[in-house]
PDB file of N, CA and C in Angstrom:
ATOM      1  N   GLY A   1       0.817  -1.196   0.000  1.00  0.00           N
ATOM      2  CA  GLY A   1       0.000   0.000   0.000  1.00  0.00           C
ATOM      3  C   GLY A   1       0.855   1.251   0.000  1.00  0.00           C
ATOM      4  N   GLY A   2       0.388   2.211  -0.738  1.00  0.00           N
ATOM      5  CA  GLY A   2       1.060   3.502  -0.789  1.00  0.00           C
ATOM      6  C   GLY A   2       0.712   4.366   0.413  1.00  0.00           C
ATOM      7  N   PRO A   3       1.209   5.594   0.417  1.00  0.00           N
ATOM      8  CA  PRO A   3       1.003   6.485   1.560  1.00  0.00           C
ATOM      9  C   PRO A   3      -0.472   6.770   1.854  1.00  0.00           C
ATOM     10  N   LEU A   4      -1.272   6.953   0.804  1.00  0.00           N
ATOM     11  CA  LEU A   4      -2.697   7.236   1.003  1.00  0.00           C
ATOM     12  C   LEU A   4      -3.406   6.028   1.612  1.00  0.00           C
ATOM     13  N   HIS A   5      -3.088   4.855   1.104  1.00  0.00           N
ATOM     14  CA  HIS A   5      -3.673   3.623   1.620  1.00  0.00           C
ATOM     15  C   HIS A   5      -3.296   3.431   3.093  1.00  0.00           C
ATOM     16  N   LEU A   6      -2.046   3.683   3.425  1.00  0.00           N
ATOM     17  CA  LEU A   6      -1.592   3.550   4.815  1.00  0.00           C
ATOM     18  C   LEU A   6      -2.286   4.551   5.733  1.00  0.00           C
ATOM     19  N   MET A   7      -2.501   5.779   5.246  1.00  0.00           N
ATOM     20  CA  MET A   7      -3.195   6.786   6.045  1.00  0.00           C
ATOM     21  C   MET A   7      -4.626   6.340   6.339  1.00  0.00           C
ATOM     22  N   PHE A   8      -5.319   5.834   5.309  1.00  0.00           N
ATOM     23  CA  PHE A   8      -6.689   5.376   5.517  1.00  0.00           C
ATOM     24  C   PHE A   8      -6.733   4.175   6.460  1.00  0.00           C
ATOM     25  N   ARG A   9      -5.760   3.286   6.376  1.00  0.00           N
ATOM     26  CA  ARG A   9      -5.716   2.140   7.297  1.00  0.00           C
ATOM     27  C   ARG A   9      -5.502   2.594   8.737  1.00  0.00           C
ATOM     28  N   ARG A  10      -4.741   3.667   8.917  1.00  0.00           N
ATOM     29  CA  ARG A  10      -4.507   4.201  10.264  1.00  0.00           C
ATOM     30  C   ARG A  10      -5.791   4.833  10.820  1.00  0.00           C
ATOM     31  N   ILE A  11      -6.542   5.516   9.972  1.00  0.00           N
ATOM     32  CA  ILE A  11      -7.775   6.177  10.406  1.00  0.00           C
ATOM     33  C   ILE A  11      -8.898   5.169  10.615  1.00  0.00           C
ATOM     34  N   LEU A  12      -9.031   4.229   9.694  1.00  0.00           N
ATOM     35  CA  LEU A  12     -10.172   3.315   9.697  1.00  0.00           C
ATOM     36  C   LEU A  12      -9.851   2.016  10.423  1.00  0.00           C
ATOM     37  N   THR A  13      -9.729   2.116  11.724  1.00  0.00           N
ATOM     38  CA  THR A  13      -9.563   0.912  12.529  1.00  0.00           C
ATOM     39  C   THR A  13     -10.944   0.330  12.812  1.00  0.00           C
ATOM     40  N   GLU A  14     -10.979  -0.926  13.184  1.00  0.00           N
ATOM     41  CA  GLU A  14     -12.263  -1.553  13.508  1.00  0.00           C
ATOM     42  C   GLU A  14     -12.962  -0.782  14.621  1.00  0.00           C
ATOM     43  N   GLU A  15     -12.213  -0.399  15.629  1.00  0.00           N
ATOM     44  CA  GLU A  15     -12.791   0.335  16.760  1.00  0.00           C
ATOM     45  C   GLU A  15     -13.375   1.676  16.320  1.00  0.00           C
ATOM     46  N   SER A  16     -12.631   2.430  15.529  1.00  0.00           N
ATOM     47  CA  SER A  16     -13.110   3.758  15.129  1.00  0.00           C
ATOM     48  C   SER A  16     -14.356   3.670  14.256  1.00  0.00           C
ATOM     49  N   VAL A  17     -14.431   2.666  13.397  1.00  0.00           N
ATOM     50  CA  VAL A  17     -15.599   2.503  12.531  1.00  0.00           C
ATOM     51  C   VAL A  17     -16.799   2.038  13.348  1.00  0.00           C
ATOM     52  N   ARG A  18     -16.606   1.090  14.242  1.00  0.00           N
ATOM     53  CA  ARG A  18     -17.723   0.595  15.058  1.00  0.00           C
ATOM     54  C   ARG A  18     -18.260   1.678  15.994  1.00  0.00           C
ATOM     55  N   GLU A  19     -17.392   2.583  16.461  1.00  0.00           N
ATOM     56  CA  GLU A  19     -17.836   3.669  17.335  1.00  0.00           C
ATOM     57  C   GLU A  19     -18.804   4.613  16.636  1.00  0.00           C
ATOM     58  N   LEU A  20     -18.744   4.682  15.312  1.00  0.00           N
ATOM     59  CA  LEU A  20     -19.682   5.533  14.588  1.00  0.00           C
ATOM     60  C   LEU A  20     -21.114   5.063  14.822  1.00  0.00           C
ATOM     61  N   GLY A  21     -21.297   3.754  14.868  1.00  0.00           N
ATOM     62  CA  GLY A  21     -22.608   3.200  15.162  1.00  0.00           C
ATOM     63  C   GLY A  21     -23.512   2.996  13.963  1.00  0.00           C
ATOM     64  N   PHE A  22     -23.152   3.503  12.809  1.00  0.00           N
ATOM     65  CA  PHE A  22     -24.027   3.357  11.645  1.00  0.00           C
ATOM     66  C   PHE A  22     -23.290   2.840  10.405  1.00  0.00           C
ATOM     67  N   VAL A  23     -22.043   2.441  10.584  1.00  0.00           N
ATOM     68  CA  VAL A  23     -21.249   1.924   9.467  1.00  0.00           C
ATOM     69  C   VAL A  23     -20.859   0.488   9.787  1.00  0.00           C
ATOM     70  N   TYR A  24     -21.027  -0.379   8.817  1.00  0.00           N
ATOM     71  CA  TYR A  24     -20.760  -1.806   8.975  1.00  0.00           C
ATOM     72  C   TYR A  24     -19.274  -2.063   8.728  1.00  0.00           C
ATOM     73  N   TRP A  25     -18.546  -2.471   9.768  1.00  0.00           N
ATOM     74  CA  TRP A  25     -17.096  -2.653   9.687  1.00  0.00           C
ATOM     75  C   TRP A  25     -16.652  -3.588   8.561  1.00  0.00           C
ATOM     76  N   PRO A  26     -17.262  -4.777   8.385  1.00  0.00           N
ATOM     77  CA  PRO A  26     -16.794  -5.657   7.298  1.00  0.00           C
ATOM     78  C   PRO A  26     -16.884  -5.002   5.912  1.00  0.00           C
ATOM     79  N   PHE A  27     -17.860  -4.139   5.718  1.00  0.00           N
ATOM     80  CA  PHE A  27     -18.001  -3.428   4.446  1.00  0.00           C
ATOM     81  C   PHE A  27     -16.820  -2.483   4.232  1.00  0.00           C
ATOM     82  N   VAL A  28     -16.444  -1.750   5.278  1.00  0.00           N
ATOM     83  CA  VAL A  28     -15.305  -0.825   5.190  1.00  0.00           C
ATOM     84  C   VAL A  28     -14.007  -1.606   5.027  1.00  0.00           C
ATOM     85  N   GLN A  29     -13.883  -2.695   5.747  1.00  0.00           N
ATOM     86  CA  GLN A  29     -12.682  -3.529   5.657  1.00  0.00           C
ATOM     87  C   GLN A  29     -12.496  -4.039   4.221  1.00  0.00           C
ATOM     88  N   ASP A  30     -13.580  -4.493   3.608  1.00  0.00           N
ATOM     89  CA  ASP A  30     -13.531  -4.957   2.221  1.00  0.00           C
ATOM     90  C   ASP A  30     -13.163  -3.809   1.278  1.00  0.00           C
ATOM     91  N   ALA A  31     -13.737  -2.638   1.528  1.00  0.00           N
ATOM     92  CA  ALA A  31     -13.444  -1.478   0.682  1.00  0.00           C
ATOM     93  C   ALA A  31     -11.977  -1.080   0.785  1.00  0.00           C
ATOM     94  N   LEU A  32     -11.399  -1.201   1.982  1.00  0.00           N
ATOM     95  CA  LEU A  32      -9.976  -0.895   2.157  1.00  0.00           C
ATOM     96  C   LEU A  32      -9.102  -1.819   1.314  1.00  0.00           C
ATOM     97  N   GLU A  33      -9.529  -3.052   1.148  1.00  0.00           N
ATOM     98  CA  GLU A  33      -8.759  -4.012   0.356  1.00  0.00           C
ATOM     99  C   GLU A  33      -8.952  -3.798  -1.143  1.00  0.00           C
ATOM    100  N   ARG A  34     -10.187  -3.497  -1.540  1.00  0.00           N
ATOM    101  CA  ARG A  34     -10.497  -3.418  -2.970  1.00  0.00           C
ATOM    102  C   ARG A  34     -10.399  -2.017  -3.560  1.00  0.00           C
ATOM    103  N   GLY A  35     -10.255  -0.997  -2.728  1.00  0.00           N
ATOM    104  CA  GLY A  35     -10.245   0.376  -3.218  1.00  0.00           C
ATOM    105  C   GLY A  35      -8.889   0.893  -3.647  1.00  0.00           C
ATOM    106  N   PHE A  36      -7.868   0.063  -3.566  1.00  0.00           N
ATOM    107  CA  PHE A  36      -6.504   0.493  -3.887  1.00  0.00           C
ATOM    108  C   PHE A  36      -5.835  -0.539  -4.780  1.00  0.00           C
ATOM    109  N   GLY A  37      -4.761  -0.136  -5.424  1.00  0.00           N
ATOM    110  CA  GLY A  37      -3.992  -1.065  -6.248  1.00  0.00           C
ATOM    111  C   GLY A  37      -4.300  -0.924  -7.726  1.00  0.00           C
ATOM    112  N   GLU A  38      -3.726  -1.819  -8.496  1.00  0.00           N
ATOM    113  CA  GLU A  38      -3.863  -1.784  -9.958  1.00  0.00           C
ATOM    114  C   GLU A  38      -5.309  -1.945 -10.412  1.00  0.00           C
ATOM    115  N   ALA A  39      -6.042  -2.835  -9.761  1.00  0.00           N
ATOM    116  CA  ALA A  39      -7.428  -3.101 -10.150  1.00  0.00           C
ATOM    117  C   ALA A  39      -8.394  -2.484  -9.145  1.00  0.00           C
ATOM    118  N   ALA A  40      -8.108  -1.260  -8.709  1.00  0.00           N
ATOM    119  CA  ALA A  40      -8.914  -0.605  -7.678  1.00  0.00           C
ATOM    120  C   ALA A  40     -10.343  -0.366  -8.155  1.00  0.00           C
ATOM    121  N   ASP A  41     -11.269  -0.540  -7.238  1.00  0.00           N
ATOM    122  CA  ASP A  41     -12.686  -0.303  -7.483  1.00  0.00           C
ATOM    123  C   ASP A  41     -13.011   1.111  -6.993  1.00  0.00           C
ATOM    124  N   GLY A  42     -13.465   1.965  -7.892  1.00  0.00           N
ATOM    125  CA  GLY A  42     -13.757   3.355  -7.550  1.00  0.00           C
ATOM    126  C   GLY A  42     -14.817   3.502  -6.475  1.00  0.00           C
ATOM    127  N   ALA A  43     -15.837   2.652  -6.514  1.00  0.00           N
ATOM    128  CA  ALA A  43     -16.889   2.717  -5.496  1.00  0.00           C
ATOM    129  C   ALA A  43     -16.324   2.375  -4.121  1.00  0.00           C
ATOM    130  N   CYS A  44     -15.426   1.419  -4.064  1.00  0.00           N
ATOM    131  CA  CYS A  44     -14.789   1.056  -2.790  1.00  0.00           C
ATOM    132  C   CYS A  44     -13.918   2.198  -2.285  1.00  0.00           C
ATOM    133  N   PHE A  45     -13.197   2.847  -3.191  1.00  0.00           N
ATOM    134  CA  PHE A  45     -12.369   3.981  -2.780  1.00  0.00           C
ATOM    135  C   PHE A  45     -13.247   5.090  -2.202  1.00  0.00           C
ATOM    136  N   ARG A  46     -14.382   5.376  -2.832  1.00  0.00           N
ATOM    137  CA  ARG A  46     -15.294   6.403  -2.308  1.00  0.00           C
ATOM    138  C   ARG A  46     -15.815   6.016  -0.934  1.00  0.00           C
ATOM    139  N   THR A  47     -16.118   4.748  -0.732  1.00  0.00           N
ATOM    140  CA  THR A  47     -16.561   4.277   0.580  1.00  0.00           C
ATOM    141  C   THR A  47     -15.498   4.555   1.630  1.00  0.00           C
ATOM    142  N   VAL A  48     -14.252   4.291   1.294  1.00  0.00           N
ATOM    143  CA  VAL A  48     -13.137   4.538   2.216  1.00  0.00           C
ATOM    144  C   VAL A  48     -13.050   6.025   2.555  1.00  0.00           C
ATOM    145  N   VAL A  49     -13.163   6.874   1.551  1.00  0.00           N
ATOM    146  CA  VAL A  49     -13.074   8.322   1.776  1.00  0.00           C
ATOM    147  C   VAL A  49     -14.220   8.795   2.662  1.00  0.00           C
ATOM    148  N   TYR A  50     -15.440   8.348   2.377  1.00  0.00           N
ATOM    149  CA  TYR A  50     -16.590   8.754   3.197  1.00  0.00           C
ATOM    150  C   TYR A  50     -16.421   8.289   4.635  1.00  0.00           C
ATOM    151  N   ALA A  51     -16.079   7.031   4.821  1.00  0.00           N
ATOM    152  CA  ALA A  51     -15.942   6.487   6.177  1.00  0.00           C
ATOM    153  C   ALA A  51     -14.836   7.209   6.944  1.00  0.00           C
ATOM    154  N   ALA A  52     -13.719   7.479   6.293  1.00  0.00           N
ATOM    155  CA  ALA A  52     -12.624   8.194   6.955  1.00  0.00           C
ATOM    156  C   ALA A  52     -13.054   9.610   7.328  1.00  0.00           C
ATOM    157  N   SER A  53     -13.853  10.227   6.486  1.00  0.00           N
ATOM    158  CA  SER A  53     -14.366  11.565   6.798  1.00  0.00           C
ATOM    159  C   SER A  53     -15.244  11.530   8.035  1.00  0.00           C
ATOM    160  N   TRP A  54     -16.133  10.548   8.110  1.00  0.00           N
ATOM    161  CA  TRP A  54     -17.024  10.433   9.270  1.00  0.00           C
ATOM    162  C   TRP A  54     -16.241  10.167  10.546  1.00  0.00           C
ATOM    163  N   VAL A  55     -15.237   9.315  10.469  1.00  0.00           N
ATOM    164  CA  VAL A  55     -14.409   9.020  11.649  1.00  0.00           C
ATOM    165  C   VAL A  55     -13.670  10.279  12.098  1.00  0.00           C
ATOM    166  N   THR A  56     -13.122  11.018  11.150  1.00  0.00           N
ATOM    167  CA  THR A  56     -12.387  12.240  11.483  1.00  0.00           C
ATOM    168  C   THR A  56     -13.302  13.280  12.112  1.00  0.00           C
ATOM    169  N   ILE A  57     -14.481  13.476  11.537  1.00  0.00           N
ATOM    170  CA  ILE A  57     -15.443  14.430  12.099  1.00  0.00           C
ATOM    171  C   ILE A  57     -15.854  13.998  13.497  1.00  0.00           C
ATOM    172  N   SER A  58     -16.127  12.724  13.680  1.00  0.00           N
ATOM    173  CA  SER A  58     -16.511  12.198  14.992  1.00  0.00           C
ATOM    174  C   SER A  58     -15.419  12.453  16.027  1.00  0.00           C
ATOM    175  N   ASP A  59     -14.176  12.199  15.662  1.00  0.00           N
ATOM    176  CA  ASP A  59     -13.051  12.435  16.578  1.00  0.00           C
ATOM    177  C   ASP A  59     -12.950  13.904  16.965  1.00  0.00           C
ATOM    178  N   ARG A  60     -13.149  14.780  16.009  1.00  0.00           N
ATOM    179  CA  ARG A  60     -13.042  16.219  16.297  1.00  0.00           C
ATOM    180  C   ARG A  60     -14.174  16.688  17.195  1.00  0.00           C
ATOM    181  N   PHE A  61     -15.380  16.154  16.993  1.00  0.00           N
ATOM    182  CA  PHE A  61     -16.492  16.511  17.876  1.00  0.00           C
ATOM    183  C   PHE A  61     -16.233  16.022  19.294  1.00  0.00           C
ATOM    184  N   LYS A  62     -15.693  14.827  19.427  1.00  0.00           N
ATOM    185  CA  LYS A  62     -15.379  14.290  20.759  1.00  0.00           C
ATOM    186  C   LYS A  62     -14.371  15.179  21.471  1.00  0.00           C
ATOM    187  N   LYS A  63     -13.340  15.606  20.754  1.00  0.00           N
ATOM    188  CA  LYS A  63     -12.316  16.464  21.357  1.00  0.00           C
ATOM    189  C   LYS A  63     -12.903  17.811  21.751  1.00  0.00           C
ATOM    190  N   ALA A  64     -13.790  18.359  20.928  1.00  0.00           N
ATOM    191  CA  ALA A  64     -14.417  19.640  21.246  1.00  0.00           C
ATOM    192  C   ALA A  64     -15.307  19.510  22.479  1.00  0.00           C
ATOM    193  N   GLN A  65     -16.054  18.420  22.584  1.00  0.00           N
ATOM    194  CA  GLN A  65     -16.905  18.191  23.754  1.00  0.00           C
ATOM    195  C   GLN A  65     -16.066  18.035  25.008  1.00  0.00           C
ATOM    196  N   GLU A  66     -14.971  17.307  24.918  1.00  0.00           N
ATOM    197  CA  GLU A  66     -14.091  17.133  26.076  1.00  0.00           C
ATOM    198  C   GLU A  66     -13.511  18.470  26.523  1.00  0.00           C
ATOM    199  N   GLN A  67     -13.160  19.306  25.567  1.00  0.00           N
ATOM    200  CA  GLN A  67     -12.605  20.615  25.901  1.00  0.00           C
ATOM    201  C   GLN A  67     -13.661  21.481  26.588  1.00  0.00           C
ATOM    202  N   LEU A  68     -14.892  21.451  26.098  1.00  0.00           N
ATOM    203  CA  LEU A  68     -15.967  22.218  26.727  1.00  0.00           C
ATOM    204  C   LEU A  68     -16.219  21.743  28.151  1.00  0.00           C
ATOM    205  N   ARG A  69     -16.234  20.447  28.346  1.00  0.00           N
ATOM    206  CA  ARG A  69     -16.446  19.897  29.695  1.00  0.00           C
ATOM    207  C   ARG A  69     -15.321  20.309  30.636  1.00  0.00           C
ATOM    208  N   ALA A  70     -14.099  20.322  30.141  1.00  0.00           N
ATOM    209  CA  ALA A  70     -12.954  20.714  30.967  1.00  0.00           C
ATOM    210  C   ALA A  70     -13.043  22.189  31.348  1.00  0.00           C
ATOM    211  N   GLU A  71     -13.516  23.012  30.431  1.00  0.00           N
ATOM    212  CA  GLU A  71     -13.652  24.440  30.716  1.00  0.00           C
ATOM    213  C   GLU A  71     -14.768  24.710  31.718  1.00  0.00           C
ATOM    214  N   GLU A  72     -15.824  23.884  31.665  1.00  0.00           N
ATOM    215  CA  GLU A  72     -16.953  24.055  32.587  1.00  0.00           C
ATOM    216  C   GLU A  72     -16.609  23.611  33.997  1.00  0.00           C
ATOM    217  N   ALA A  73     -15.673  22.697  34.123  1.00  0.00           N
ATOM    218  CA  ALA A  73     -15.329  22.141  35.444  1.00  0.00           C
ATOM    219  C   ALA A  73     -14.465  23.073  36.257  1.00  0.00           C
TER     220      ALA A  73
END
């Protein structure tokens, strides 16, 4: 895997995808395998991009909520 593939693998862990609550991990796992390489499937690549976006947004919201709670305390 190239740098982009490695970045998506780092973001899309089983735990991070399952924490979203609305994304099916085996589907994302399959997309990670089929969305890259010589015979890459464009639909799988888009799935990877969408899922990584949702995980990133979720992480940022969690950090913002934690910061607000710390300021309130």
